[in-house]
Amino acid sequence: MLKELFKYLEKPKLYAQNTCKFWDDEHISKGLLKAHLDPQLEASSRCHNFIDKSVEWITEIAPSSNYKKLLDLGCGPGLYAERLFKKGYKITGIDYSKRSINYAMDKACERNQDINYIYKNYLEINYNNEFDLVTLIYCDFVVLSDEHREILLKKVYDSMKIGGRFIFDVFTLKQFEDKKESNTWCLSEGSGFWKSERHICFESHFIYERDVRLDQFTIIDKDGKVDIIRNWFKVYTEDTIIKEIKKAGFNKIEIYSDVTGKPYFEESKAMCIVVEK
């Protein structure tokens, strides 16, 4: 038994995948949506006060009068989309959580908001010169592998009109500088975030070359079924993110500390990047 448990604590290969669904898990997706909708919680989404400030800043640097068509990647339950719709944007929102998309669609219908929500992996989009503005907010970019980041940047570039803008954010090393490799565990006697019944969760943090980190969760349910969920994080410096952006064809680049336009400083845990095609 112990030998089997130790196997799950071993450091996996770089960008090893989950062994189960995450975004569409029937139980986990309930907790994710609840976290999205909690106005004070900074988990699945930024807290709602921050989102309000983000929307105001976005409308300043890319007003709907000049950047009408907006593609919101990883839109979740529509927290940004519904606010930006009220600012005059024509919005397409894409997310890979069916529960979040269904919630967003229901709310848009209820509020008579003409927002086009699509349940899809945004790595599979195929637009061509269609959008004036593209957003990917709350550091979704950093969870992708090297290959998938390159694919996404090309797809975003292709989807944009000449002069269009892409706004996204990434983590810096300051986000993880105090975090060492570790293994911990906890027992949930009843329903928790990962399972609806009794389960054990082994939580591991691993550090890789090229500024890549991994938070791994190994969940064992009461019947002995094992699920492994891996959240990868690529952390950036100004030089490394600019290199990736330029490789994708973008040239005009602005860097801020967050998606409210706060000036960038060296101790910032994140960077917001605004690029133009």
C-alpha atoms as a PDB file:
ATOM      1  CA  MET A   1       0.000   0.000   0.000  1.00  0.00           C
ATOM      2  CA  LEU A   2       2.730   2.499   0.975  1.00  0.00           C
ATOM      3  CA  LYS A   3       4.725   1.659  -2.155  1.00  0.00           C
ATOM      4  CA  GLU A   4       1.664   2.513  -4.249  1.00  0.00           C
ATOM      5  CA  LEU A   5       1.164   5.813  -2.396  1.00  0.00           C
ATOM      6  CA  PHE A   6       4.817   6.818  -2.793  1.00  0.00           C
ATOM      7  CA  LYS A   7       4.438   6.382  -6.547  1.00  0.00           C
ATOM      8  CA  TYR A   8       1.944   9.234  -6.614  1.00  0.00           C
ATOM      9  CA  LEU A   9       4.411  11.554  -4.874  1.00  0.00           C
ATOM     10  CA  GLU A  10       7.086  11.194  -7.548  1.00  0.00           C
ATOM     11  CA  LYS A  11       7.898  14.200  -9.715  1.00  0.00           C
ATOM     12  CA  PRO A  12       6.106  13.792 -13.074  1.00  0.00           C
ATOM     13  CA  LYS A  13       7.507  14.598 -16.497  1.00  0.00           C
ATOM     14  CA  LEU A  14       7.247  18.197 -17.623  1.00  0.00           C
ATOM     15  CA  TYR A  15       3.706  19.041 -18.728  1.00  0.00           C
ATOM     16  CA  ALA A  16       2.295  15.612 -17.904  1.00  0.00           C
ATOM     17  CA  GLN A  17      -1.483  15.799 -18.244  1.00  0.00           C
ATOM     18  CA  ASN A  18      -4.337  15.279 -15.798  1.00  0.00           C
ATOM     19  CA  THR A  19      -5.641  11.741 -15.456  1.00  0.00           C
ATOM     20  CA  CYS A  20      -9.260  12.934 -15.252  1.00  0.00           C
ATOM     21  CA  LYS A  21     -11.555  15.775 -16.233  1.00  0.00           C
ATOM     22  CA  PHE A  22     -11.136  18.985 -14.309  1.00  0.00           C
ATOM     23  CA  TRP A  23     -13.198  21.811 -15.790  1.00  0.00           C
ATOM     24  CA  ASP A  24     -16.098  19.480 -16.568  1.00  0.00           C
ATOM     25  CA  ASP A  25     -15.973  17.198 -13.552  1.00  0.00           C
ATOM     26  CA  GLU A  26     -19.541  17.078 -12.215  1.00  0.00           C
ATOM     27  CA  HIS A  27     -18.505  17.812  -8.621  1.00  0.00           C
ATOM     28  CA  ILE A  28     -15.430  20.026  -9.083  1.00  0.00           C
ATOM     29  CA  SER A  29     -17.153  22.315 -11.588  1.00  0.00           C
ATOM     30  CA  LYS A  30     -19.750  23.201  -8.936  1.00  0.00           C
ATOM     31  CA  GLY A  31     -16.988  24.448  -6.637  1.00  0.00           C
ATOM     32  CA  LEU A  32     -15.275  26.312  -9.455  1.00  0.00           C
ATOM     33  CA  LEU A  33     -18.469  28.126 -10.408  1.00  0.00           C
ATOM     34  CA  LYS A  34     -19.154  28.984  -6.767  1.00  0.00           C
ATOM     35  CA  ALA A  35     -15.627  30.446  -6.508  1.00  0.00           C
ATOM     36  CA  HIS A  36     -16.156  32.467  -9.704  1.00  0.00           C
ATOM     37  CA  LEU A  37     -19.336  33.989  -8.326  1.00  0.00           C
ATOM     38  CA  ASP A  38     -18.035  34.860  -4.851  1.00  0.00           C
ATOM     39  CA  PRO A  39     -17.398  38.630  -5.123  1.00  0.00           C
ATOM     40  CA  GLN A  40     -14.720  38.638  -2.407  1.00  0.00           C
ATOM     41  CA  LEU A  41     -12.834  35.462  -3.344  1.00  0.00           C
ATOM     42  CA  GLU A  42      -9.750  35.540  -5.550  1.00  0.00           C
ATOM     43  CA  ALA A  43      -9.653  31.947  -6.786  1.00  0.00           C
ATOM     44  CA  SER A  44     -11.288  30.952 -10.078  1.00  0.00           C
ATOM     45  CA  SER A  45     -11.621  34.661 -10.915  1.00  0.00           C
ATOM     46  CA  ARG A  46     -10.231  37.862  -9.517  1.00  0.00           C
ATOM     47  CA  CYS A  47     -12.424  39.468  -6.853  1.00  0.00           C
ATOM     48  CA  HIS A  48     -15.272  41.403  -8.431  1.00  0.00           C
ATOM     49  CA  ASN A  49     -14.024  44.799  -7.308  1.00  0.00           C
ATOM     50  CA  PHE A  50     -10.815  44.146  -9.256  1.00  0.00           C
ATOM     51  CA  ILE A  51     -12.843  43.011 -12.295  1.00  0.00           C
ATOM     52  CA  ASP A  52     -14.793  46.285 -12.208  1.00  0.00           C
ATOM     53  CA  LYS A  53     -11.521  48.242 -12.216  1.00  0.00           C
ATOM     54  CA  SER A  54     -10.174  46.055 -15.037  1.00  0.00           C
ATOM     55  CA  VAL A  55     -13.198  46.741 -17.197  1.00  0.00           C
ATOM     56  CA  GLU A  56     -12.878  50.494 -16.671  1.00  0.00           C
ATOM     57  CA  TRP A  57      -9.211  50.379 -17.680  1.00  0.00           C
ATOM     58  CA  ILE A  58      -9.865  48.191 -20.734  1.00  0.00           C
ATOM     59  CA  THR A  59     -12.495  50.641 -21.954  1.00  0.00           C
ATOM     60  CA  GLU A  60      -9.946  53.442 -21.597  1.00  0.00           C
ATOM     61  CA  ILE A  61      -7.132  51.817 -23.614  1.00  0.00           C
ATOM     62  CA  ALA A  62      -9.387  50.017 -26.122  1.00  0.00           C
ATOM     63  CA  PRO A  63     -12.794  51.756 -26.202  1.00  0.00           C
ATOM     64  CA  SER A  64     -15.701  49.975 -27.862  1.00  0.00           C
ATOM     65  CA  SER A  65     -16.032  52.872 -30.320  1.00  0.00           C
ATOM     66  CA  ASN A  66     -12.726  51.748 -31.898  1.00  0.00           C
ATOM     67  CA  TYR A  67     -12.475  48.099 -30.770  1.00  0.00           C
ATOM     68  CA  LYS A  68     -16.042  46.896 -31.190  1.00  0.00           C
ATOM     69  CA  LYS A  69     -15.662  43.126 -31.635  1.00  0.00           C
ATOM     70  CA  LEU A  70     -14.191  41.434 -28.566  1.00  0.00           C
ATOM     71  CA  LEU A  71     -13.109  37.807 -28.101  1.00  0.00           C
ATOM     72  CA  ASP A  72     -12.999  36.805 -24.416  1.00  0.00           C
ATOM     73  CA  LEU A  73     -10.943  33.612 -24.059  1.00  0.00           C
ATOM     74  CA  GLY A  74     -11.467  31.612 -20.866  1.00  0.00           C
ATOM     75  CA  CYS A  75     -14.578  33.683 -20.199  1.00  0.00           C
ATOM     76  CA  GLY A  76     -15.869  31.451 -17.389  1.00  0.00           C
ATOM     77  CA  PRO A  77     -19.388  32.415 -16.265  1.00  0.00           C
ATOM     78  CA  GLY A  78     -19.181  35.744 -18.096  1.00  0.00           C
ATOM     79  CA  LEU A  79     -17.988  38.086 -15.344  1.00  0.00           C
ATOM     80  CA  TYR A  80     -15.941  40.217 -17.732  1.00  0.00           C
ATOM     81  CA  ALA A  81     -18.169  39.653 -20.747  1.00  0.00           C
ATOM     82  CA  GLU A  82     -21.365  40.921 -19.135  1.00  0.00           C
ATOM     83  CA  ARG A  83     -19.626  44.047 -17.851  1.00  0.00           C
ATOM     84  CA  LEU A  84     -17.934  44.738 -21.181  1.00  0.00           C
ATOM     85  CA  PHE A  85     -21.211  44.173 -23.033  1.00  0.00           C
ATOM     86  CA  LYS A  86     -22.691  47.040 -21.032  1.00  0.00           C
ATOM     87  CA  LYS A  87     -19.793  49.190 -22.271  1.00  0.00           C
ATOM     88  CA  GLY A  88     -20.846  48.663 -25.884  1.00  0.00           C
ATOM     89  CA  TYR A  89     -18.685  45.736 -27.055  1.00  0.00           C
ATOM     90  CA  LYS A  90     -19.971  42.935 -29.291  1.00  0.00           C
ATOM     91  CA  ILE A  91     -18.671  39.878 -27.464  1.00  0.00           C
ATOM     92  CA  THR A  92     -17.828  36.262 -28.173  1.00  0.00           C
ATOM     93  CA  GLY A  93     -16.898  34.347 -25.023  1.00  0.00           C
ATOM     94  CA  ILE A  94     -15.196  30.941 -25.104  1.00  0.00           C
ATOM     95  CA  ASP A  95     -14.634  28.570 -22.210  1.00  0.00           C
ATOM     96  CA  TYR A  96     -14.021  24.841 -21.694  1.00  0.00           C
ATOM     97  CA  SER A  97     -16.255  24.499 -18.628  1.00  0.00           C
ATOM     98  CA  LYS A  98     -19.744  23.474 -19.678  1.00  0.00           C
ATOM     99  CA  ARG A  99     -21.178  24.452 -16.293  1.00  0.00           C
ATOM    100  CA  SER A 100     -19.704  27.970 -16.499  1.00  0.00           C
ATOM    101  CA  ILE A 101     -20.788  28.482 -20.106  1.00  0.00           C
ATOM    102  CA  ASN A 102     -24.317  27.285 -19.350  1.00  0.00           C
ATOM    103  CA  TYR A 103     -24.482  29.689 -16.415  1.00  0.00           C
ATOM    104  CA  ALA A 104     -23.241  32.554 -18.618  1.00  0.00           C
ATOM    105  CA  MET A 105     -25.770  31.722 -21.350  1.00  0.00           C
ATOM    106  CA  ASP A 106     -28.638  31.551 -18.858  1.00  0.00           C
ATOM    107  CA  LYS A 107     -27.699  34.920 -17.351  1.00  0.00           C
ATOM    108  CA  ALA A 108     -27.326  36.538 -20.772  1.00  0.00           C
ATOM    109  CA  CYS A 109     -30.780  35.283 -21.746  1.00  0.00           C
ATOM    110  CA  GLU A 110     -32.256  36.415 -18.429  1.00  0.00           C
ATOM    111  CA  ARG A 111     -30.738  39.895 -18.797  1.00  0.00           C
ATOM    112  CA  ASN A 112     -31.393  40.161 -22.544  1.00  0.00           C
ATOM    113  CA  GLN A 113     -27.675  40.483 -23.314  1.00  0.00           C
ATOM    114  CA  ASP A 114     -26.689  39.534 -26.866  1.00  0.00           C
ATOM    115  CA  ILE A 115     -23.433  37.744 -25.993  1.00  0.00           C
ATOM    116  CA  ASN A 116     -22.222  34.787 -28.046  1.00  0.00           C
ATOM    117  CA  TYR A 117     -21.000  32.160 -25.565  1.00  0.00           C
ATOM    118  CA  ILE A 118     -19.273  29.037 -26.927  1.00  0.00           C
ATOM    119  CA  TYR A 119     -18.304  25.849 -25.101  1.00  0.00           C
ATOM    120  CA  LYS A 120     -14.917  25.071 -26.644  1.00  0.00           C
ATOM    121  CA  ASN A 121     -11.207  24.623 -26.022  1.00  0.00           C
ATOM    122  CA  TYR A 122      -9.750  27.962 -27.096  1.00  0.00           C
ATOM    123  CA  LEU A 123      -6.719  26.160 -28.539  1.00  0.00           C
ATOM    124  CA  GLU A 124      -9.117  25.004 -31.278  1.00  0.00           C
ATOM    125  CA  ILE A 125     -10.378  28.422 -32.434  1.00  0.00           C
ATOM    126  CA  ASN A 126      -9.942  29.257 -36.122  1.00  0.00           C
ATOM    127  CA  TYR A 127     -10.889  32.888 -36.691  1.00  0.00           C
ATOM    128  CA  ASN A 128      -9.348  35.085 -39.372  1.00  0.00           C
ATOM    129  CA  ASN A 129      -9.082  38.901 -39.105  1.00  0.00           C
ATOM    130  CA  GLU A 130     -12.358  39.050 -37.178  1.00  0.00           C
ATOM    131  CA  PHE A 131     -11.782  40.709 -33.793  1.00  0.00           C
ATOM    132  CA  ASP A 132     -10.650  44.168 -32.723  1.00  0.00           C
ATOM    133  CA  LEU A 133      -9.833  43.098 -29.168  1.00  0.00           C
ATOM    134  CA  VAL A 134      -8.917  39.755 -27.551  1.00  0.00           C
ATOM    135  CA  THR A 135      -8.654  39.138 -23.801  1.00  0.00           C
ATOM    136  CA  LEU A 136      -7.244  36.220 -21.792  1.00  0.00           C
ATOM    137  CA  ILE A 137      -7.369  37.222 -18.143  1.00  0.00           C
ATOM    138  CA  TYR A 138      -6.242  35.729 -14.809  1.00  0.00           C
ATOM    139  CA  CYS A 139      -3.010  34.188 -16.055  1.00  0.00           C
ATOM    140  CA  ASP A 140      -4.602  31.403 -18.131  1.00  0.00           C
ATOM    141  CA  PHE A 141      -1.681  31.751 -20.536  1.00  0.00           C
ATOM    142  CA  VAL A 142       0.870  30.422 -18.039  1.00  0.00           C
ATOM    143  CA  VAL A 143      -0.838  27.051 -17.520  1.00  0.00           C
ATOM    144  CA  LEU A 144      -0.171  26.009 -21.125  1.00  0.00           C
ATOM    145  CA  SER A 145       2.797  23.981 -22.357  1.00  0.00           C
ATOM    146  CA  ASP A 146       5.443  25.579 -24.590  1.00  0.00           C
ATOM    147  CA  GLU A 147       3.764  24.066 -27.660  1.00  0.00           C
ATOM    148  CA  HIS A 148       0.274  25.173 -26.668  1.00  0.00           C
ATOM    149  CA  ARG A 149       1.339  28.732 -25.853  1.00  0.00           C
ATOM    150  CA  GLU A 150       2.869  29.015 -29.309  1.00  0.00           C
ATOM    151  CA  ILE A 151      -0.283  27.614 -30.898  1.00  0.00           C
ATOM    152  CA  LEU A 152      -2.519  29.970 -28.943  1.00  0.00           C
ATOM    153  CA  LEU A 153      -0.501  33.088 -29.779  1.00  0.00           C
ATOM    154  CA  LYS A 154      -0.683  32.246 -33.480  1.00  0.00           C
ATOM    155  CA  LYS A 155      -4.427  31.649 -33.279  1.00  0.00           C
ATOM    156  CA  VAL A 156      -4.947  34.922 -31.422  1.00  0.00           C
ATOM    157  CA  TYR A 157      -2.802  36.767 -33.962  1.00  0.00           C
ATOM    158  CA  ASP A 158      -4.773  35.273 -36.849  1.00  0.00           C
ATOM    159  CA  SER A 159      -8.103  36.106 -35.203  1.00  0.00           C
ATOM    160  CA  MET A 160      -7.290  39.812 -34.912  1.00  0.00           C
ATOM    161  CA  LYS A 161      -7.737  42.638 -37.369  1.00  0.00           C
ATOM    162  CA  ILE A 162      -4.755  44.829 -38.199  1.00  0.00           C
ATOM    163  CA  GLY A 163      -4.459  47.344 -35.348  1.00  0.00           C
ATOM    164  CA  GLY A 164      -6.311  45.034 -32.981  1.00  0.00           C
ATOM    165  CA  ARG A 165      -5.161  44.567 -29.387  1.00  0.00           C
ATOM    166  CA  PHE A 166      -4.569  41.492 -27.234  1.00  0.00           C
ATOM    167  CA  ILE A 167      -4.691  41.908 -23.444  1.00  0.00           C
ATOM    168  CA  PHE A 168      -3.498  39.095 -21.162  1.00  0.00           C
ATOM    169  CA  ASP A 169      -1.612  38.556 -17.927  1.00  0.00           C
ATOM    170  CA  VAL A 170       1.085  36.222 -16.610  1.00  0.00           C
ATOM    171  CA  PHE A 171       2.757  35.411 -13.301  1.00  0.00           C
ATOM    172  CA  THR A 172       6.286  36.511 -12.450  1.00  0.00           C
ATOM    173  CA  LEU A 173       8.743  34.565 -10.285  1.00  0.00           C
ATOM    174  CA  LYS A 174       7.715  36.753  -7.329  1.00  0.00           C
ATOM    175  CA  GLN A 175       4.449  34.794  -7.225  1.00  0.00           C
ATOM    176  CA  PHE A 176       6.364  31.642  -6.244  1.00  0.00           C
ATOM    177  CA  GLU A 177       9.696  32.847  -4.845  1.00  0.00           C
ATOM    178  CA  ASP A 178       8.974  31.610  -1.301  1.00  0.00           C
ATOM    179  CA  LYS A 179       7.478  28.301  -2.383  1.00  0.00           C
ATOM    180  CA  LYS A 180       9.736  25.241  -2.175  1.00  0.00           C
ATOM    181  CA  GLU A 181       9.184  21.695  -3.410  1.00  0.00           C
ATOM    182  CA  SER A 182       6.878  19.969  -0.959  1.00  0.00           C
ATOM    183  CA  ASN A 183       4.374  17.175  -0.309  1.00  0.00           C
ATOM    184  CA  THR A 184       1.465  17.475   2.111  1.00  0.00           C
ATOM    185  CA  TRP A 185      -1.804  15.632   2.548  1.00  0.00           C
ATOM    186  CA  CYS A 186      -5.227  16.011   4.100  1.00  0.00           C
ATOM    187  CA  LEU A 187      -8.251  13.825   4.782  1.00  0.00           C
ATOM    188  CA  SER A 188     -11.784  15.032   4.078  1.00  0.00           C
ATOM    189  CA  GLU A 189     -14.354  13.064   6.027  1.00  0.00           C
ATOM    190  CA  GLY A 190     -17.187  14.335   3.845  1.00  0.00           C
ATOM    191  CA  SER A 191     -17.732  16.517   0.807  1.00  0.00           C
ATOM    192  CA  GLY A 192     -14.852  18.805  -0.138  1.00  0.00           C
ATOM    193  CA  PHE A 193     -13.679  20.717  -3.180  1.00  0.00           C
ATOM    194  CA  TRP A 194     -12.408  17.601  -4.971  1.00  0.00           C
ATOM    195  CA  LYS A 195     -14.983  14.952  -4.098  1.00  0.00           C
ATOM    196  CA  SER A 196     -18.529  14.740  -2.751  1.00  0.00           C
ATOM    197  CA  GLU A 197     -17.624  11.945  -0.324  1.00  0.00           C
ATOM    198  CA  ARG A 198     -14.760  10.922   1.957  1.00  0.00           C
ATOM    199  CA  HIS A 199     -11.349  11.227   0.276  1.00  0.00           C
ATOM    200  CA  ILE A 200      -7.642  11.896   0.739  1.00  0.00           C
ATOM    201  CA  CYS A 201      -5.745  14.578  -1.177  1.00  0.00           C
ATOM    202  CA  PHE A 202      -1.960  14.603  -1.581  1.00  0.00           C
ATOM    203  CA  GLU A 203      -0.816  18.097  -2.596  1.00  0.00           C
ATOM    204  CA  SER A 204       2.643  18.463  -4.162  1.00  0.00           C
ATOM    205  CA  HIS A 205       4.613  21.425  -5.457  1.00  0.00           C
ATOM    206  CA  PHE A 206       7.436  20.796  -7.936  1.00  0.00           C
ATOM    207  CA  ILE A 207       9.990  23.122  -9.537  1.00  0.00           C
ATOM    208  CA  TYR A 208      11.298  22.621 -13.085  1.00  0.00           C
ATOM    209  CA  GLU A 209      13.849  24.261 -15.336  1.00  0.00           C
ATOM    210  CA  ARG A 210      12.904  27.255 -17.492  1.00  0.00           C
ATOM    211  CA  ASP A 211      10.845  28.780 -14.646  1.00  0.00           C
ATOM    212  CA  VAL A 212       8.064  26.206 -14.660  1.00  0.00           C
ATOM    213  CA  ARG A 213       6.161  25.209 -11.508  1.00  0.00           C
ATOM    214  CA  LEU A 214       3.585  22.516 -10.811  1.00  0.00           C
ATOM    215  CA  ASP A 215       0.848  22.217  -8.212  1.00  0.00           C
ATOM    216  CA  GLN A 216      -0.254  18.579  -8.283  1.00  0.00           C
ATOM    217  CA  PHE A 217      -3.283  17.153  -6.494  1.00  0.00           C
ATOM    218  CA  THR A 218      -3.612  13.387  -6.119  1.00  0.00           C
ATOM    219  CA  ILE A 219      -7.100  12.522  -4.921  1.00  0.00           C
ATOM    220  CA  ILE A 220      -7.993   9.058  -3.646  1.00  0.00           C
ATOM    221  CA  ASP A 221     -11.671   8.392  -2.983  1.00  0.00           C
ATOM    222  CA  LYS A 222     -13.244   5.977  -0.506  1.00  0.00           C
ATOM    223  CA  ASP A 223     -13.204   3.196  -3.112  1.00  0.00           C
ATOM    224  CA  GLY A 224      -9.513   3.639  -3.892  1.00  0.00           C
ATOM    225  CA  LYS A 225      -9.997   5.424  -7.250  1.00  0.00           C
ATOM    226  CA  VAL A 226      -7.117   7.806  -7.956  1.00  0.00           C
ATOM    227  CA  ASP A 227      -7.388  11.071  -9.887  1.00  0.00           C
ATOM    228  CA  ILE A 228      -4.389  13.326 -10.548  1.00  0.00           C
ATOM    229  CA  ILE A 229      -4.900  16.998 -11.377  1.00  0.00           C
ATOM    230  CA  ARG A 230      -1.904  19.057 -12.444  1.00  0.00           C
ATOM    231  CA  ASN A 231      -1.860  22.854 -12.555  1.00  0.00           C
ATOM    232  CA  TRP A 232       1.231  24.015 -14.449  1.00  0.00           C
ATOM    233  CA  PHE A 233       2.618  27.540 -14.205  1.00  0.00           C
ATOM    234  CA  LYS A 234       5.220  29.149 -16.440  1.00  0.00           C
ATOM    235  CA  VAL A 235       6.573  32.294 -14.766  1.00  0.00           C
ATOM    236  CA  TYR A 236       8.013  35.191 -16.717  1.00  0.00           C
ATOM    237  CA  THR A 237      10.428  38.078 -16.782  1.00  0.00           C
ATOM    238  CA  GLU A 238       9.922  41.038 -19.096  1.00  0.00           C
ATOM    239  CA  ASP A 239      12.529  39.601 -21.460  1.00  0.00           C
ATOM    240  CA  THR A 240      11.039  36.099 -21.665  1.00  0.00           C
ATOM    241  CA  ILE A 241       7.461  37.214 -22.307  1.00  0.00           C
ATOM    242  CA  ILE A 242       8.571  39.778 -24.907  1.00  0.00           C
ATOM    243  CA  LYS A 243      10.553  37.060 -26.697  1.00  0.00           C
ATOM    244  CA  GLU A 244       7.474  34.817 -26.993  1.00  0.00           C
ATOM    245  CA  ILE A 245       5.260  37.685 -28.114  1.00  0.00           C
ATOM    246  CA  LYS A 246       7.633  38.846 -30.837  1.00  0.00           C
ATOM    247  CA  LYS A 247       8.041  35.290 -32.101  1.00  0.00           C
ATOM    248  CA  ALA A 248       4.277  35.243 -32.699  1.00  0.00           C
ATOM    249  CA  GLY A 249       4.497  38.385 -34.849  1.00  0.00           C
ATOM    250  CA  PHE A 250       3.367  41.059 -32.380  1.00  0.00           C
ATOM    251  CA  ASN A 251       5.554  44.152 -32.149  1.00  0.00           C
ATOM    252  CA  LYS A 252       3.878  46.943 -30.192  1.00  0.00           C
ATOM    253  CA  ILE A 253       4.127  45.814 -26.563  1.00  0.00           C
ATOM    254  CA  GLU A 254       3.122  47.518 -23.311  1.00  0.00           C
ATOM    255  CA  ILE A 255       3.669  45.956 -19.875  1.00  0.00           C
ATOM    256  CA  TYR A 256       1.800  46.755 -16.666  1.00  0.00           C
ATOM    257  CA  SER A 257       1.619  45.155 -13.207  1.00  0.00           C
ATOM    258  CA  ASP A 258      -1.978  44.021 -13.557  1.00  0.00           C
ATOM    259  CA  VAL A 259      -5.131  44.318 -15.633  1.00  0.00           C
ATOM    260  CA  THR A 260      -6.033  47.681 -14.113  1.00  0.00           C
ATOM    261  CA  GLY A 261      -3.096  49.445 -15.749  1.00  0.00           C
ATOM    262  CA  LYS A 262      -0.958  49.741 -12.642  1.00  0.00           C
ATOM    263  CA  PRO A 263       2.647  50.600 -13.689  1.00  0.00           C
ATOM    264  CA  TYR A 264       4.982  47.618 -13.707  1.00  0.00           C
ATOM    265  CA  PHE A 265       7.568  47.323 -10.940  1.00  0.00           C
ATOM    266  CA  GLU A 266      10.163  44.651 -10.186  1.00  0.00           C
ATOM    267  CA  GLU A 267       8.403  43.246  -7.107  1.00  0.00           C
ATOM    268  CA  SER A 268       5.131  42.685  -8.941  1.00  0.00           C
ATOM    269  CA  LYS A 269       3.749  39.135  -8.791  1.00  0.00           C
ATOM    270  CA  ALA A 270       2.133  39.489 -12.194  1.00  0.00           C
ATOM    271  CA  MET A 271       2.446  41.307 -15.497  1.00  0.00           C
ATOM    272  CA  CYS A 272      -0.328  42.503 -17.778  1.00  0.00           C
ATOM    273  CA  ILE A 273       0.695  42.602 -21.419  1.00  0.00           C
ATOM    274  CA  VAL A 274      -1.014  44.659 -24.108  1.00  0.00           C
ATOM    275  CA  VAL A 275       0.106  43.932 -27.661  1.00  0.00           C
ATOM    276  CA  GLU A 276      -1.028  45.202 -31.025  1.00  0.00           C
ATOM    277  CA  LYS A 277      -1.157  43.466 -34.398  1.00  0.00           C
END
